[in-house]
Amino acid sequence: MGFMKLAKLAWSNLWRQRRRTAITVASIAFTCFLAVIMLGLNDGSWGPVIDTAARIGGGHVTLQHPDYRDKPALSRTVAATAPLLERLRSIPHVSHVLPRIAGQTMLSTTSDSLGAGFVAYDPAQESTDTLQILEAVSQGSLFKTANDPGIILGWRLARNLGAELGTKVVYTLTDKQGEIVSGMARVSGLVKTGSPAIDLGLCFLPIGAVRRTLGYAPDEAVQIAVFVDNYRRSDEIGRRVKSMIDDQTAVLTWKENAPELETMIILKRGGATFFSAFILVLAIAGIFNTLFVSVMERLREFGILLAIGFDGGRLFALVMLESLWLALVGLVAGVAVLAIPYYYLYTVGLDLTNVYASGQQKADIAGVAMSMVIKLDLHYTSAVTIAAAVVFATLLAGLYPAWKAGRVEPVDSIKLV
């Protein structure tokens, strides 16, 4: 008997006990449903968080002085020359390449003085795709030029400084020679991101004004932020960038710039994967029961098949094909069950505002604002993993029943009633 005929026979055998098969298919579909929801919500929630971390930090890939990470100082700079920036922009999947100056400053008003982090950027080059504050300004306006006389404060930071729009703020920095230098700006905007770490401890300055205060060259920066079209390509792009530059510049991905965030994501994804695997193990038990009972009920039939010319290998293959059909039908049923919930969670999302963060629209995750509306976005690698795991698990559950069928003794089994 050829493979196609054997597969057709396996399909027929599968539906001889329709209710039992339907229950098993339902368990596989339910397993797929839970796995897709768990892993899809993880893929959909952490992607925006990583992109947000890149937008308020140094990009998905950051170029900086080799010593800056261990000993951050404004004296450790890189040359953001036009040829270098063009070479970086020519890399496939790189969407933006931007020079930035980031560090610590002391902010002073007539009311108080507080330390804060700062990011200096060029408003002519930045957009909402690269800098979060462009969509988070709650009062005032953004900088118009790189030499704008303004400063943008987190709204909590402004409140603690006693500052409002138009208030004069003196920012104090340490320049390349280790000298204390100061600049003066007026509050031109307030940002409200939803992240306490940002709203309370970060301000934004125009890059030209900061370069002038620090005595930097026109193309000098502390960081060169590289943004990619998909954060999953960060490691790949990081390796490409390393191959293009000398050893005098360090290349770091977002994972190295935000290790706390990476650890959080690994733990959360690990938990979702463990839960999905646990549900799959329970499903395997049900699949094994279905196949084993089916084989035991057909021992006499298998004995007759052996007596008329079938061999043990074909019987083994027959039961394994039944397992394969069961897995494929279960996957199709899972897709059918998932279609409407997946579309809803992909387009509308799951609103956790009233469950977490005391009703806030965003929560602080490792210093990054995470939206409380989580949308499902299953990556294709996760989908392939789920499908492969279901097929493998179903075939694994069918191994012993198939082996049992292949070792049937014709004389003994034919006597069974």
Protein backbone atom coordinates (compact mmCIF):
# COMPACT_ATOMS: atom_id res chain seq x y z
CA MET A 1 0.00 0.00 0.00
CA GLY A 2 1.41 3.35 -1.05
CA PHE A 3 1.82 6.37 1.17
CA MET A 4 -1.26 8.20 -0.17
CA LYS A 5 -3.51 5.21 0.37
CA LEU A 6 -2.07 4.72 3.84
CA ALA A 7 -2.70 8.41 4.64
CA LYS A 8 -6.29 8.07 3.35
CA LEU A 9 -6.85 5.02 5.54
CA ALA A 10 -5.41 6.86 8.55
CA TRP A 11 -7.84 9.74 7.89
CA SER A 12 -10.77 7.32 7.79
CA ASN A 13 -9.65 5.61 10.98
CA LEU A 14 -9.42 8.97 12.75
CA TRP A 15 -13.16 9.60 12.32
CA ARG A 16 -14.44 6.17 13.26
CA GLN A 17 -14.88 7.52 16.80
CA ARG A 18 -16.01 11.04 15.99
CA ARG A 19 -16.76 12.21 19.50
CA ARG A 20 -13.43 11.04 20.90
CA THR A 21 -11.55 12.61 17.99
CA ALA A 22 -13.53 15.85 18.32
CA ILE A 23 -12.67 16.10 22.02
CA THR A 24 -8.98 15.56 21.28
CA VAL A 25 -9.02 18.10 18.45
CA ALA A 26 -10.70 20.58 20.80
CA SER A 27 -7.95 20.07 23.38
CA ILE A 28 -5.28 20.75 20.73
CA ALA A 29 -7.16 23.85 19.55
CA PHE A 30 -7.46 25.09 23.14
CA THR A 31 -3.73 24.54 23.65
CA CYS A 32 -2.99 26.57 20.51
CA PHE A 33 -5.38 29.27 21.69
CA LEU A 34 -3.67 29.68 25.07
CA ALA A 35 -0.16 29.52 23.59
CA VAL A 36 -0.94 32.16 20.95
CA ILE A 37 -2.60 34.48 23.46
CA MET A 38 0.23 34.15 26.00
CA LEU A 39 3.12 34.50 23.56
CA GLY A 40 1.29 36.99 21.33
CA LEU A 41 0.58 39.34 24.22
CA ASN A 42 4.24 39.11 25.21
CA ASP A 43 5.40 39.88 21.66
CA GLY A 44 2.88 42.69 21.38
CA SER A 45 3.63 44.31 24.74
CA TRP A 46 7.43 44.21 24.88
CA GLY A 47 8.07 45.42 21.34
CA PRO A 48 6.65 48.92 22.04
CA VAL A 49 8.51 49.03 25.37
CA ILE A 50 11.83 48.30 23.65
CA ASP A 51 11.11 50.91 20.97
CA THR A 52 10.21 53.44 23.68
CA ALA A 53 13.46 52.69 25.53
CA ALA A 54 15.33 53.30 22.27
CA ARG A 55 13.46 56.54 21.67
CA ILE A 56 14.35 58.00 25.06
CA GLY A 57 17.84 56.49 25.13
CA GLY A 58 20.51 55.94 22.54
CA GLY A 59 18.52 54.08 19.88
CA HIS A 60 18.35 50.36 19.17
CA VAL A 61 22.11 50.45 18.59
CA THR A 62 24.36 53.07 20.19
CA LEU A 63 27.82 54.27 19.20
CA GLN A 64 29.79 55.93 21.98
CA HIS A 65 33.23 56.27 23.56
CA PRO A 66 34.56 52.89 24.81
CA ASP A 67 34.83 54.17 28.40
CA TYR A 68 31.51 56.01 28.52
CA ARG A 69 29.46 53.05 29.73
CA ASP A 70 31.64 52.39 32.80
CA LYS A 71 32.51 56.03 33.51
CA PRO A 72 29.92 58.35 31.94
CA ALA A 73 31.38 61.81 31.37
CA LEU A 74 30.80 64.55 28.83
CA SER A 75 34.52 64.49 28.05
CA ARG A 76 34.10 61.07 26.41
CA THR A 77 32.77 61.89 22.97
CA VAL A 78 32.58 60.53 19.43
CA ALA A 79 32.85 62.35 16.11
CA ALA A 80 29.47 62.25 14.35
CA THR A 81 30.94 63.15 10.99
CA ALA A 82 28.72 63.36 7.91
CA PRO A 83 30.52 60.48 6.10
CA LEU A 84 30.09 58.19 9.12
CA LEU A 85 26.40 59.02 9.46
CA GLU A 86 25.84 58.35 5.76
CA ARG A 87 27.60 54.97 5.97
CA LEU A 88 25.41 53.99 8.90
CA ARG A 89 22.25 55.10 7.10
CA SER A 90 23.19 52.93 4.12
CA ILE A 91 22.90 49.74 6.18
CA PRO A 92 19.72 47.80 5.26
CA HIS A 93 16.88 48.09 7.83
CA VAL A 94 18.42 51.17 9.48
CA SER A 95 15.73 53.87 9.58
CA HIS A 96 17.44 56.77 11.38
CA VAL A 97 20.95 57.73 12.52
CA LEU A 98 21.13 60.69 14.90
CA PRO A 99 23.81 62.39 17.03
CA ARG A 100 22.87 63.13 20.64
CA ILE A 101 24.44 64.42 23.82
CA ALA A 102 23.30 62.78 27.03
CA GLY A 103 24.48 63.03 30.61
CA GLN A 104 23.79 64.53 34.00
CA THR A 105 23.19 68.16 34.87
CA MET A 106 22.28 70.33 37.83
CA LEU A 107 19.16 72.44 37.26
CA SER A 108 18.62 75.59 39.28
CA THR A 109 15.71 78.01 39.55
CA THR A 110 15.00 80.75 42.05
CA SER A 111 13.04 78.16 44.03
CA ASP A 112 15.27 75.09 44.13
CA SER A 113 18.14 73.10 42.62
CA LEU A 114 17.92 69.48 41.53
CA GLY A 115 20.06 66.99 39.66
CA ALA A 116 18.61 65.39 36.54
CA GLY A 117 19.54 63.55 33.40
CA PHE A 118 19.42 65.37 30.08
CA VAL A 119 19.25 64.55 26.40
CA ALA A 120 20.29 67.15 23.83
CA TYR A 121 18.96 66.61 20.31
CA ASP A 122 18.63 68.31 16.95
CA PRO A 123 14.96 69.20 16.32
CA ALA A 124 15.59 69.36 12.57
CA GLN A 125 16.50 65.64 12.47
CA GLU A 126 14.33 64.07 15.15
CA SER A 127 10.74 62.89 14.72
CA THR A 128 8.14 60.95 16.70
CA ASP A 129 9.79 57.77 15.41
CA THR A 130 13.00 58.59 17.27
CA LEU A 131 12.12 60.75 20.27
CA GLN A 132 9.19 60.13 22.57
CA ILE A 133 8.87 63.69 23.86
CA LEU A 134 7.68 64.91 20.47
CA GLU A 135 4.33 63.28 21.22
CA ALA A 136 4.37 63.73 25.00
CA VAL A 137 4.48 67.52 25.35
CA SER A 138 1.55 68.43 27.61
CA GLN A 139 2.26 72.18 27.77
CA GLY A 140 4.29 74.61 25.69
CA SER A 141 6.06 73.75 22.47
CA LEU A 142 9.07 71.91 21.06
CA PHE A 143 12.38 73.44 20.03
CA LYS A 144 12.41 75.11 16.65
CA THR A 145 16.17 74.99 15.99
CA ALA A 146 19.30 73.35 17.38
CA ASN A 147 20.20 76.66 19.05
CA ASP A 148 16.80 77.28 20.61
CA PRO A 149 17.03 79.10 23.97
CA GLY A 150 14.51 76.78 25.63
CA ILE A 151 14.52 73.70 27.88
CA ILE A 152 11.86 71.00 28.14
CA LEU A 153 11.28 69.49 31.58
CA GLY A 154 9.43 66.45 32.84
CA TRP A 155 6.29 67.79 34.48
CA ARG A 156 7.14 66.31 37.90
CA LEU A 157 10.66 67.72 37.68
CA ALA A 158 9.24 71.15 36.84
CA ARG A 159 6.87 70.95 39.79
CA ASN A 160 9.71 70.11 42.19
CA LEU A 161 11.79 72.99 40.78
CA GLY A 162 8.89 75.36 41.11
CA ALA A 163 9.15 76.05 37.38
CA GLU A 164 6.48 76.77 34.81
CA LEU A 165 6.48 77.91 31.20
CA GLY A 166 8.84 80.87 30.81
CA THR A 167 10.74 80.24 34.04
CA LYS A 168 14.49 80.80 33.77
CA VAL A 169 16.53 77.66 34.44
CA VAL A 170 20.31 77.47 34.79
CA TYR A 171 21.81 74.12 33.84
CA THR A 172 25.32 73.28 35.06
CA LEU A 173 27.60 70.81 33.29
CA THR A 174 31.20 69.61 33.41
CA ASP A 175 32.98 70.22 30.12
CA LYS A 176 35.75 68.22 28.39
CA GLN A 177 38.48 69.85 30.47
CA GLY A 178 36.69 69.08 33.73
CA GLU A 179 35.60 72.69 34.21
CA ILE A 180 32.19 73.63 35.56
CA VAL A 181 30.19 75.47 32.90
CA SER A 182 26.65 76.78 32.88
CA GLY A 183 23.98 77.62 30.38
CA MET A 184 20.72 79.44 30.76
CA ALA A 185 17.37 78.57 29.21
CA ARG A 186 13.73 79.26 29.73
CA VAL A 187 11.14 76.51 30.13
CA SER A 188 9.53 76.15 26.73
CA GLY A 189 7.67 72.89 27.30
CA LEU A 190 6.63 70.22 29.79
CA VAL A 191 6.41 66.52 28.99
CA LYS A 192 4.14 63.94 30.56
CA THR A 193 5.12 60.44 29.45
CA GLY A 194 3.51 58.44 32.25
CA SER A 195 6.87 57.11 33.42
CA PRO A 196 7.85 58.54 36.84
CA ALA A 197 11.54 58.01 36.04
CA ILE A 198 11.27 60.28 33.00
CA ASP A 199 8.75 62.81 34.26
CA LEU A 200 10.69 63.26 37.48
CA GLY A 201 14.31 63.01 36.40
CA LEU A 202 14.83 63.99 32.78
CA CYS A 203 15.03 67.18 30.74
CA PHE A 204 15.69 67.94 27.08
CA LEU A 205 17.92 70.60 25.51
CA PRO A 206 18.75 71.71 21.95
CA ILE A 207 21.99 70.10 20.83
CA GLY A 208 23.52 73.27 19.36
CA ALA A 209 23.15 75.23 22.61
CA VAL A 210 24.73 72.39 24.60
CA ARG A 211 27.62 72.05 22.15
CA ARG A 212 28.30 75.74 22.50
CA THR A 213 28.18 75.56 26.32
CA LEU A 214 30.51 72.55 26.44
CA GLY A 215 32.89 73.80 23.75
CA TYR A 216 32.19 70.86 21.42
CA ALA A 217 32.98 70.80 17.71
CA PRO A 218 29.99 71.11 15.34
CA ASP A 219 29.97 67.36 14.68
CA GLU A 220 30.87 66.20 18.20
CA ALA A 221 28.43 64.10 20.22
CA VAL A 222 28.30 61.76 23.17
CA GLN A 223 26.22 59.17 21.36
CA ILE A 224 25.18 58.27 17.85
CA ALA A 225 21.74 56.68 18.01
CA VAL A 226 20.93 54.09 15.34
CA PHE A 227 17.28 53.09 14.89
CA VAL A 228 16.16 49.97 13.03
CA ASP A 229 12.80 49.15 11.45
CA ASN A 230 12.36 46.12 13.74
CA TYR A 231 13.96 45.82 17.18
CA ARG A 232 14.56 42.10 16.58
CA ARG A 233 17.26 43.09 14.09
CA SER A 234 19.21 45.07 16.71
CA ASP A 235 21.84 42.36 17.26
CA GLU A 236 22.33 41.86 13.52
CA ILE A 237 22.68 45.60 12.88
CA GLY A 238 25.03 45.92 15.86
CA ARG A 239 27.36 43.35 14.30
CA ARG A 240 27.24 45.14 10.95
CA VAL A 241 28.09 48.46 12.57
CA LYS A 242 31.02 46.93 14.48
CA SER A 243 32.49 45.67 11.23
CA MET A 244 32.37 49.19 9.77
CA ILE A 245 34.10 51.22 12.50
CA ASP A 246 37.38 51.18 14.39
CA ASP A 247 38.04 49.99 17.93
CA GLN A 248 37.95 53.55 19.27
CA THR A 249 34.16 53.50 19.27
CA ALA A 250 31.99 51.12 21.29
CA VAL A 251 28.84 49.66 19.74
CA LEU A 252 26.06 48.67 22.14
CA THR A 253 22.58 47.29 21.48
CA TRP A 254 19.54 48.23 23.55
CA LYS A 255 20.08 45.02 25.56
CA GLU A 256 23.45 46.30 26.76
CA ASN A 257 22.15 49.82 27.35
CA ALA A 258 19.11 48.62 29.32
CA PRO A 259 20.07 45.30 30.99
CA GLU A 260 17.28 45.63 33.58
CA LEU A 261 14.71 45.81 30.81
CA GLU A 262 16.22 42.81 29.01
CA THR A 263 16.15 40.77 32.24
CA MET A 264 12.51 41.70 32.80
CA ILE A 265 11.58 40.65 29.27
CA ILE A 266 13.45 37.34 29.56
CA LEU A 267 11.65 36.52 32.81
CA LYS A 268 8.22 37.43 31.46
CA ARG A 269 8.71 35.55 28.20
CA GLY A 270 10.11 32.59 30.09
CA GLY A 271 7.01 32.50 32.27
CA ALA A 272 4.70 32.61 29.25
CA THR A 273 6.68 29.86 27.51
CA PHE A 274 6.63 27.66 30.63
CA PHE A 275 2.87 28.08 31.00
CA SER A 276 2.33 27.22 27.33
CA ALA A 277 4.57 24.16 27.64
CA PHE A 278 2.67 23.02 30.74
CA ILE A 279 -0.65 23.22 28.88
CA LEU A 280 0.91 21.31 25.98
CA VAL A 281 2.01 18.51 28.33
CA LEU A 282 -1.58 18.18 29.57
CA ALA A 283 -2.76 18.03 25.97
CA ILE A 284 -0.23 15.28 25.21
CA ALA A 285 -1.80 13.15 27.94
CA GLY A 286 -5.20 13.47 26.26
CA ILE A 287 -3.79 12.76 22.81
CA PHE A 288 -1.95 9.70 24.10
CA ASN A 289 -5.13 8.39 25.70
CA THR A 290 -7.08 8.81 22.45
CA LEU A 291 -4.49 7.04 20.32
CA PHE A 292 -3.77 4.27 22.82
CA VAL A 293 -7.44 3.42 23.34
CA SER A 294 -7.96 3.50 19.57
CA VAL A 295 -5.12 1.02 19.06
CA MET A 296 -6.30 -1.32 21.83
CA GLU A 297 -9.81 -1.36 20.35
CA ARG A 298 -8.42 -2.40 16.95
CA LEU A 299 -6.01 -5.14 17.96
CA ARG A 300 -8.12 -7.80 16.20
CA GLU A 301 -8.29 -5.62 13.09
CA PHE A 302 -4.51 -5.15 13.14
CA GLY A 303 -4.05 -8.91 13.47
CA ILE A 304 -6.18 -9.50 10.39
CA LEU A 305 -4.21 -6.86 8.44
CA LEU A 306 -0.99 -8.62 9.39
CA ALA A 307 -2.43 -11.94 8.35
CA ILE A 308 -3.30 -10.67 4.84
CA GLY A 309 0.11 -9.17 4.14
CA PHE A 310 0.56 -5.99 6.19
CA ASP A 311 3.79 -5.74 8.13
CA GLY A 312 4.55 -4.15 11.49
CA GLY A 313 6.25 -1.17 9.89
CA ARG A 314 3.13 -0.24 7.93
CA LEU A 315 0.95 -0.50 11.03
CA PHE A 316 3.41 1.73 12.87
CA ALA A 317 3.27 4.23 10.00
CA LEU A 318 -0.55 4.04 9.94
CA VAL A 319 -0.90 5.03 13.59
CA MET A 320 1.74 7.75 13.24
CA LEU A 321 -0.18 9.16 10.26
CA GLU A 322 -3.30 9.18 12.41
CA SER A 323 -1.31 11.21 14.95
CA LEU A 324 -0.19 13.59 12.21
CA TRP A 325 -3.74 14.04 10.94
CA LEU A 326 -4.86 14.72 14.50
CA ALA A 327 -2.21 17.43 14.88
CA LEU A 328 -3.06 19.08 11.56
CA VAL A 329 -6.81 19.07 12.21
CA GLY A 330 -6.14 20.46 15.69
CA LEU A 331 -4.03 23.29 14.22
CA VAL A 332 -6.75 24.15 11.69
CA ALA A 333 -9.35 24.15 14.47
CA GLY A 334 -7.06 26.33 16.57
CA VAL A 335 -6.75 28.88 13.76
CA ALA A 336 -10.55 28.91 13.34
CA VAL A 337 -11.11 29.43 17.07
CA LEU A 338 -8.43 32.14 17.23
CA ALA A 339 -9.51 34.19 14.22
CA ILE A 340 -11.97 36.55 15.90
CA PRO A 341 -10.19 36.90 19.30
CA TYR A 342 -6.85 37.46 17.56
CA TYR A 343 -8.28 40.19 15.31
CA TYR A 344 -9.88 41.93 18.29
CA LEU A 345 -6.75 41.82 20.45
CA TYR A 346 -4.57 42.86 17.50
CA THR A 347 -6.69 45.90 16.61
CA VAL A 348 -8.28 46.95 19.94
CA GLY A 349 -6.05 45.32 22.55
CA LEU A 350 -6.49 44.38 26.17
CA ASP A 351 -7.03 47.38 28.46
CA LEU A 352 -5.42 46.81 31.86
CA THR A 353 -5.79 50.40 33.05
CA ASN A 354 -8.19 49.50 35.84
CA VAL A 355 -6.25 46.40 36.84
CA TYR A 356 -2.71 47.76 37.26
CA ALA A 357 -0.98 51.04 37.96
CA SER A 358 -3.91 52.45 39.97
CA GLY A 359 -5.81 53.49 36.88
CA GLN A 360 -2.82 55.16 35.19
CA GLN A 361 -2.57 55.00 31.42
CA LYS A 362 1.05 53.85 31.60
CA ALA A 363 3.22 51.91 34.03
CA ASP A 364 6.93 52.25 34.70
CA ILE A 365 8.83 49.13 33.63
CA ALA A 366 12.57 49.32 34.29
CA GLY A 367 12.41 53.08 33.80
CA VAL A 368 10.35 52.87 30.59
CA ALA A 369 6.70 53.87 30.21
CA MET A 370 4.60 50.86 29.20
CA SER A 371 1.08 51.37 27.88
CA MET A 372 -1.69 49.65 29.83
CA VAL A 373 -3.46 48.81 26.56
CA ILE A 374 -1.67 45.68 25.37
CA LYS A 375 -2.15 44.52 21.80
CA LEU A 376 -1.52 41.02 20.58
CA ASP A 377 1.14 40.76 17.88
CA LEU A 378 2.44 37.22 17.45
CA HIS A 379 5.80 37.14 15.70
CA TYR A 380 6.10 34.58 12.92
CA THR A 381 8.87 32.73 14.76
CA SER A 382 6.55 32.27 17.75
CA ALA A 383 3.76 31.04 15.45
CA VAL A 384 6.09 28.53 13.78
CA THR A 385 7.33 27.38 17.19
CA ILE A 386 3.79 26.79 18.44
CA ALA A 387 2.80 24.85 15.31
CA ALA A 388 6.00 22.76 15.37
CA ALA A 389 5.57 22.04 19.09
CA VAL A 390 1.98 20.86 18.59
CA VAL A 391 2.92 18.55 15.71
CA PHE A 392 5.97 17.19 17.54
CA ALA A 393 4.03 16.64 20.77
CA THR A 394 1.21 14.84 18.94
CA LEU A 395 3.65 12.58 17.10
CA LEU A 396 5.45 11.93 20.36
CA ALA A 397 2.17 10.94 22.01
CA GLY A 398 1.54 8.51 19.15
CA LEU A 399 4.89 6.74 19.33
CA TYR A 400 3.97 4.13 21.96
CA PRO A 401 0.53 3.34 20.51
CA ALA A 402 2.15 3.01 17.06
CA TRP A 403 4.86 0.74 18.46
CA LYS A 404 2.18 -1.33 20.20
CA ALA A 405 0.25 -1.67 16.93
CA GLY A 406 3.36 -2.74 15.06
CA ARG A 407 4.10 -5.57 17.53
CA VAL A 408 0.65 -7.21 17.41
CA GLU A 409 0.74 -11.02 17.14
CA PRO A 410 -1.73 -12.06 14.39
CA VAL A 411 -2.67 -15.42 15.91
CA ASP A 412 -3.41 -14.03 19.37
CA SER A 413 -5.14 -10.85 18.24
CA ILE A 414 -7.48 -12.54 15.75
CA LYS A 415 -8.94 -14.56 18.66
CA LEU A 416 -10.01 -11.32 20.37
CA VAL A 417 -13.68 -10.44 20.24
